[in-house]
Structure formats: C-alpha cells, structure tokens
Amino acid sequence: GGGRVKHVVIDTGKTFKRAACRFFPMHGVRNVDAVILTHEHADAILGLDDMRETKPWGKNWREMPKIPPTPVYCSKETYAHIERVFPYLVKKPQKGEVVRMV
C-alpha cells in the first residue's frame, strides 16, 4: 500500500545470505515484505534463519519500536517441516488460537 515498492523473496536456500548481501544493497532493498517458500527441501528453506538479519537492529534493540514478523507463505507440509527444522522461528499458537493457512 501507499505506493511503496514491495520486496518479496521466493525461497531462501542455503545461499540466501550471500545472495542477499550482494544483491540487496545493489538494488536498494532495505527490507523484505514477505517470503514465499515453494517447498520444504533444503534448496528452498535452509536460509530461512538468515532472514532474521534482514530486520533492523542495533545496540539499543530494546529501545527500538517492535518490528512485526515478516509474513511467510508456504504449504501446510512445508510449514510442518519448518516447525521441526526451525522451531525457534515458528510462533507457538496459544490455546484456542488457529494457525492461519491460506
């Protein structure tokens, strides 16, 4: 919205961090608005942990405004795999809360 360019990453394989460090600055990408994961294999998800480095942070991170998580879109099967591989990246639903699936 608001006429701002959106940046969507499709798959975050094991070379994601190296590619992001090279191409994001070259193209003026300062944030990622969403991630689409096409499947659960290593070539699509192993760089998912590195997505955390695309969020702003600093020495006084406790004083920074709360930054919302980056939306990640994937299949139910891919989500289940990510829960096993990266449990610390997946928000645990509260009792009665439903994980939104599209």
N, C-alpha and C. Protein backbone atom coordinates (compact mmCIF):
# COMPACT_ATOMS: atom_id res chain seq x y z
N GLY A 1 0.78 -1.18 0.00
CA GLY A 1 0.00 0.00 0.00
C GLY A 1 0.83 1.26 0.00
N GLY A 2 0.19 2.35 -0.23
CA GLY A 2 0.83 3.66 -0.17
C GLY A 2 1.81 3.93 -1.29
N GLY A 3 1.78 3.14 -2.35
CA GLY A 3 2.68 3.36 -3.46
C GLY A 3 4.11 2.91 -3.24
N ARG A 4 4.40 2.34 -2.09
CA ARG A 4 5.76 1.89 -1.80
C ARG A 4 6.03 0.56 -2.51
N VAL A 5 7.23 0.41 -3.04
CA VAL A 5 7.63 -0.83 -3.68
C VAL A 5 7.69 -1.93 -2.63
N LYS A 6 7.17 -3.09 -2.95
CA LYS A 6 7.21 -4.24 -2.04
C LYS A 6 8.31 -5.19 -2.50
N HIS A 7 8.97 -5.78 -1.53
CA HIS A 7 10.03 -6.74 -1.82
C HIS A 7 9.62 -8.10 -1.28
N VAL A 8 9.46 -9.06 -2.19
CA VAL A 8 9.05 -10.41 -1.84
C VAL A 8 10.17 -11.36 -2.25
N VAL A 9 10.59 -12.20 -1.31
CA VAL A 9 11.63 -13.19 -1.57
C VAL A 9 10.94 -14.52 -1.84
N ILE A 10 11.35 -15.19 -2.90
CA ILE A 10 10.83 -16.52 -3.21
C ILE A 10 11.95 -17.51 -2.93
N ASP A 11 11.75 -18.33 -1.91
CA ASP A 11 12.68 -19.34 -1.42
C ASP A 11 13.93 -18.73 -0.80
N THR A 12 14.37 -19.36 0.26
CA THR A 12 15.55 -18.91 0.99
C THR A 12 16.49 -20.10 1.16
N GLY A 13 17.12 -20.50 0.08
CA GLY A 13 18.03 -21.64 0.11
C GLY A 13 19.29 -21.34 0.91
N LYS A 14 20.20 -22.32 0.92
CA LYS A 14 21.39 -22.18 1.76
C LYS A 14 22.30 -21.03 1.33
N THR A 15 22.17 -20.54 0.12
CA THR A 15 23.00 -19.41 -0.33
C THR A 15 22.26 -18.07 -0.23
N PHE A 16 21.11 -18.06 0.45
CA PHE A 16 20.32 -16.83 0.55
C PHE A 16 21.12 -15.67 1.13
N LYS A 17 21.81 -15.91 2.23
CA LYS A 17 22.53 -14.82 2.91
C LYS A 17 23.57 -14.18 1.99
N ARG A 18 24.34 -15.01 1.32
CA ARG A 18 25.37 -14.49 0.41
C ARG A 18 24.73 -13.69 -0.72
N ALA A 19 23.65 -14.22 -1.28
CA ALA A 19 22.96 -13.52 -2.37
C ALA A 19 22.35 -12.21 -1.88
N ALA A 20 21.73 -12.23 -0.70
CA ALA A 20 21.11 -11.02 -0.15
C ALA A 20 22.16 -9.95 0.12
N CYS A 21 23.30 -10.35 0.68
CA CYS A 21 24.37 -9.38 0.96
C CYS A 21 24.91 -8.76 -0.32
N ARG A 22 24.86 -9.51 -1.39
CA ARG A 22 25.37 -9.00 -2.67
C ARG A 22 24.32 -8.16 -3.41
N PHE A 23 23.11 -8.68 -3.52
CA PHE A 23 22.12 -8.05 -4.39
C PHE A 23 21.20 -7.04 -3.72
N PHE A 24 20.89 -7.21 -2.43
CA PHE A 24 20.00 -6.25 -1.77
C PHE A 24 20.57 -4.83 -1.83
N PRO A 25 21.82 -4.61 -1.42
CA PRO A 25 22.36 -3.24 -1.50
C PRO A 25 22.43 -2.71 -2.94
N MET A 26 22.76 -3.59 -3.86
CA MET A 26 22.89 -3.22 -5.27
C MET A 26 21.56 -2.69 -5.83
N HIS A 27 20.45 -3.21 -5.30
CA HIS A 27 19.13 -2.85 -5.80
C HIS A 27 18.33 -2.01 -4.81
N GLY A 28 18.98 -1.55 -3.75
CA GLY A 28 18.32 -0.68 -2.79
C GLY A 28 17.27 -1.36 -1.92
N VAL A 29 17.38 -2.67 -1.75
CA VAL A 29 16.43 -3.40 -0.91
C VAL A 29 16.85 -3.24 0.55
N ARG A 30 16.01 -2.57 1.34
CA ARG A 30 16.32 -2.33 2.75
C ARG A 30 15.48 -3.19 3.68
N ASN A 31 14.43 -3.78 3.15
CA ASN A 31 13.60 -4.67 3.95
C ASN A 31 12.90 -5.68 3.05
N VAL A 32 12.46 -6.76 3.64
CA VAL A 32 11.70 -7.78 2.91
C VAL A 32 10.28 -7.76 3.45
N ASP A 33 9.31 -7.63 2.57
CA ASP A 33 7.92 -7.52 2.98
C ASP A 33 7.23 -8.87 3.15
N ALA A 34 7.72 -9.89 2.45
CA ALA A 34 7.12 -11.22 2.56
C ALA A 34 8.07 -12.25 1.96
N VAL A 35 7.86 -13.50 2.37
CA VAL A 35 8.63 -14.63 1.84
C VAL A 35 7.64 -15.68 1.36
N ILE A 36 7.92 -16.23 0.19
CA ILE A 36 7.13 -17.35 -0.33
C ILE A 36 8.08 -18.54 -0.40
N LEU A 37 7.71 -19.63 0.26
CA LEU A 37 8.51 -20.85 0.21
C LEU A 37 7.76 -21.86 -0.65
N THR A 38 8.39 -22.29 -1.74
CA THR A 38 7.70 -23.14 -2.70
C THR A 38 7.63 -24.61 -2.28
N HIS A 39 8.57 -25.03 -1.43
CA HIS A 39 8.58 -26.41 -0.95
C HIS A 39 9.52 -26.52 0.24
N GLU A 40 9.58 -27.70 0.85
CA GLU A 40 10.32 -27.84 2.10
C GLU A 40 11.74 -28.36 1.95
N HIS A 41 12.25 -28.51 0.75
CA HIS A 41 13.61 -29.02 0.58
C HIS A 41 14.65 -27.95 0.94
N ALA A 42 15.87 -28.42 1.18
CA ALA A 42 16.96 -27.53 1.62
C ALA A 42 17.17 -26.36 0.67
N ASP A 43 17.01 -26.59 -0.64
CA ASP A 43 17.25 -25.51 -1.60
C ASP A 43 16.22 -24.39 -1.51
N ALA A 44 15.17 -24.60 -0.72
CA ALA A 44 14.14 -23.57 -0.56
C ALA A 44 14.07 -22.99 0.84
N ILE A 45 14.55 -23.72 1.87
CA ILE A 45 14.34 -23.24 3.24
C ILE A 45 15.59 -23.07 4.10
N LEU A 46 16.73 -23.62 3.71
CA LEU A 46 17.88 -23.61 4.63
C LEU A 46 18.41 -22.22 4.96
N GLY A 47 18.06 -21.21 4.20
CA GLY A 47 18.48 -19.85 4.53
C GLY A 47 17.44 -19.08 5.31
N LEU A 48 16.36 -19.75 5.70
CA LEU A 48 15.27 -19.07 6.40
C LEU A 48 15.74 -18.39 7.68
N ASP A 49 16.62 -19.03 8.41
CA ASP A 49 17.16 -18.45 9.64
C ASP A 49 17.87 -17.12 9.35
N ASP A 50 18.50 -17.02 8.19
CA ASP A 50 19.22 -15.79 7.83
C ASP A 50 18.28 -14.62 7.54
N MET A 51 17.00 -14.90 7.35
CA MET A 51 16.03 -13.82 7.13
C MET A 51 15.99 -12.88 8.32
N ARG A 52 16.32 -13.39 9.51
CA ARG A 52 16.30 -12.53 10.70
C ARG A 52 17.26 -11.36 10.55
N GLU A 53 18.31 -11.54 9.77
CA GLU A 53 19.30 -10.48 9.58
C GLU A 53 18.81 -9.38 8.65
N THR A 54 17.67 -9.59 8.00
CA THR A 54 17.12 -8.54 7.14
C THR A 54 16.28 -7.56 7.94
N LYS A 55 16.10 -7.82 9.23
CA LYS A 55 15.35 -6.93 10.12
C LYS A 55 16.31 -5.93 10.75
N PRO A 56 15.88 -4.68 10.93
CA PRO A 56 16.76 -3.69 11.57
C PRO A 56 17.02 -4.05 13.03
N TRP A 57 18.22 -3.79 13.48
CA TRP A 57 18.59 -4.00 14.88
C TRP A 57 19.78 -3.13 15.20
N GLY A 58 20.13 -3.05 16.45
CA GLY A 58 21.27 -2.24 16.86
C GLY A 58 21.60 -2.50 18.31
N LYS A 59 22.56 -1.75 18.84
CA LYS A 59 22.98 -1.93 20.22
C LYS A 59 21.83 -1.71 21.19
N ASN A 60 20.98 -0.75 20.89
CA ASN A 60 19.85 -0.43 21.76
C ASN A 60 18.56 -1.06 21.25
N TRP A 61 18.64 -2.35 20.88
CA TRP A 61 17.49 -3.01 20.28
C TRP A 61 16.28 -3.03 21.19
N ARG A 62 16.48 -3.00 22.50
CA ARG A 62 15.33 -3.00 23.42
C ARG A 62 14.55 -1.69 23.32
N GLU A 63 15.20 -0.63 22.87
CA GLU A 63 14.54 0.67 22.76
C GLU A 63 13.90 0.89 21.39
N MET A 64 14.17 -0.01 20.46
CA MET A 64 13.63 0.15 19.11
C MET A 64 12.14 -0.22 19.11
N PRO A 65 11.38 0.39 18.21
CA PRO A 65 9.96 0.02 18.13
C PRO A 65 9.84 -1.46 17.75
N LYS A 66 8.80 -2.11 18.22
CA LYS A 66 8.61 -3.52 17.91
C LYS A 66 8.39 -3.67 16.41
N ILE A 67 9.17 -4.53 15.82
CA ILE A 67 9.10 -4.76 14.38
C ILE A 67 8.28 -6.02 14.14
N PRO A 68 7.23 -5.93 13.35
CA PRO A 68 6.40 -7.12 13.13
C PRO A 68 7.17 -8.19 12.35
N PRO A 69 6.82 -9.45 12.57
CA PRO A 69 7.50 -10.52 11.82
C PRO A 69 7.19 -10.42 10.33
N THR A 70 8.09 -10.93 9.53
CA THR A 70 7.89 -10.97 8.09
C THR A 70 6.92 -12.09 7.77
N PRO A 71 5.86 -11.82 7.03
CA PRO A 71 4.93 -12.89 6.66
C PRO A 71 5.62 -13.92 5.76
N VAL A 72 5.39 -15.18 6.06
CA VAL A 72 5.93 -16.28 5.26
C VAL A 72 4.76 -17.11 4.77
N TYR A 73 4.73 -17.35 3.46
CA TYR A 73 3.65 -18.11 2.84
C TYR A 73 4.21 -19.42 2.33
N CYS A 74 3.54 -20.52 2.70
CA CYS A 74 4.00 -21.84 2.28
C CYS A 74 2.86 -22.84 2.42
N SER A 75 3.10 -24.06 1.95
CA SER A 75 2.10 -25.11 2.08
C SER A 75 2.07 -25.64 3.51
N LYS A 76 1.03 -26.36 3.83
CA LYS A 76 0.90 -26.97 5.15
C LYS A 76 2.07 -27.93 5.41
N GLU A 77 2.47 -28.68 4.40
CA GLU A 77 3.59 -29.62 4.53
C GLU A 77 4.90 -28.89 4.80
N THR A 78 5.11 -27.81 4.09
CA THR A 78 6.33 -27.02 4.30
C THR A 78 6.33 -26.41 5.69
N TYR A 79 5.20 -25.92 6.14
CA TYR A 79 5.09 -25.34 7.48
C TYR A 79 5.45 -26.38 8.54
N ALA A 80 4.92 -27.59 8.41
CA ALA A 80 5.20 -28.66 9.37
C ALA A 80 6.69 -28.98 9.40
N HIS A 81 7.32 -28.96 8.24
CA HIS A 81 8.76 -29.23 8.16
C HIS A 81 9.56 -28.11 8.83
N ILE A 82 9.16 -26.87 8.60
CA ILE A 82 9.84 -25.73 9.21
C ILE A 82 9.70 -25.78 10.73
N GLU A 83 8.55 -26.20 11.22
CA GLU A 83 8.36 -26.35 12.67
C GLU A 83 9.38 -27.31 13.26
N ARG A 84 9.73 -28.37 12.52
CA ARG A 84 10.71 -29.35 13.00
C ARG A 84 12.14 -28.83 12.87
N VAL A 85 12.45 -28.19 11.74
CA VAL A 85 13.83 -27.76 11.47
C VAL A 85 14.18 -26.46 12.20
N PHE A 86 13.26 -25.52 12.24
CA PHE A 86 13.49 -24.20 12.87
C PHE A 86 12.41 -23.92 13.91
N PRO A 87 12.30 -24.70 14.97
CA PRO A 87 11.21 -24.48 15.93
C PRO A 87 11.24 -23.09 16.57
N TYR A 88 12.42 -22.50 16.67
CA TYR A 88 12.55 -21.17 17.29
C TYR A 88 12.06 -20.05 16.38
N LEU A 89 11.78 -20.35 15.12
CA LEU A 89 11.27 -19.33 14.19
C LEU A 89 9.75 -19.36 14.08
N VAL A 90 9.13 -20.38 14.64
CA VAL A 90 7.69 -20.55 14.49
C VAL A 90 6.99 -20.19 15.79
N LYS A 91 6.04 -19.27 15.67
CA LYS A 91 5.25 -18.86 16.85
C LYS A 91 4.35 -20.02 17.25
N LYS A 92 4.42 -20.36 18.51
CA LYS A 92 3.55 -21.42 19.04
C LYS A 92 2.17 -20.82 19.30
N PRO A 93 1.13 -21.41 18.71
CA PRO A 93 -0.22 -20.87 18.93
C PRO A 93 -0.64 -21.00 20.39
N GLN A 94 -1.34 -20.00 20.88
CA GLN A 94 -1.92 -20.06 22.22
C GLN A 94 -3.11 -21.02 22.18
N LYS A 95 -3.52 -21.49 23.34
CA LYS A 95 -4.65 -22.40 23.40
C LYS A 95 -5.87 -21.75 22.73
N GLY A 96 -6.45 -22.47 21.79
CA GLY A 96 -7.61 -21.97 21.08
C GLY A 96 -7.28 -21.14 19.84
N GLU A 97 -6.01 -20.72 19.70
CA GLU A 97 -5.59 -19.93 18.54
C GLU A 97 -5.33 -20.88 17.37
N VAL A 98 -5.70 -20.46 16.19
CA VAL A 98 -5.53 -21.28 14.99
C VAL A 98 -4.43 -20.68 14.13
N VAL A 99 -3.55 -21.55 13.61
CA VAL A 99 -2.53 -21.09 12.67
C VAL A 99 -3.24 -20.82 11.36
N ARG A 100 -3.08 -19.63 10.85
CA ARG A 100 -3.80 -19.23 9.63
C ARG A 100 -3.14 -19.87 8.41
N MET A 101 -3.91 -20.63 7.69
CA MET A 101 -3.45 -21.27 6.46
C MET A 101 -4.25 -20.70 5.31
N VAL A 102 -3.57 -20.39 4.23
CA VAL A 102 -4.25 -19.85 3.05
C VAL A 102 -4.43 -20.95 2.03
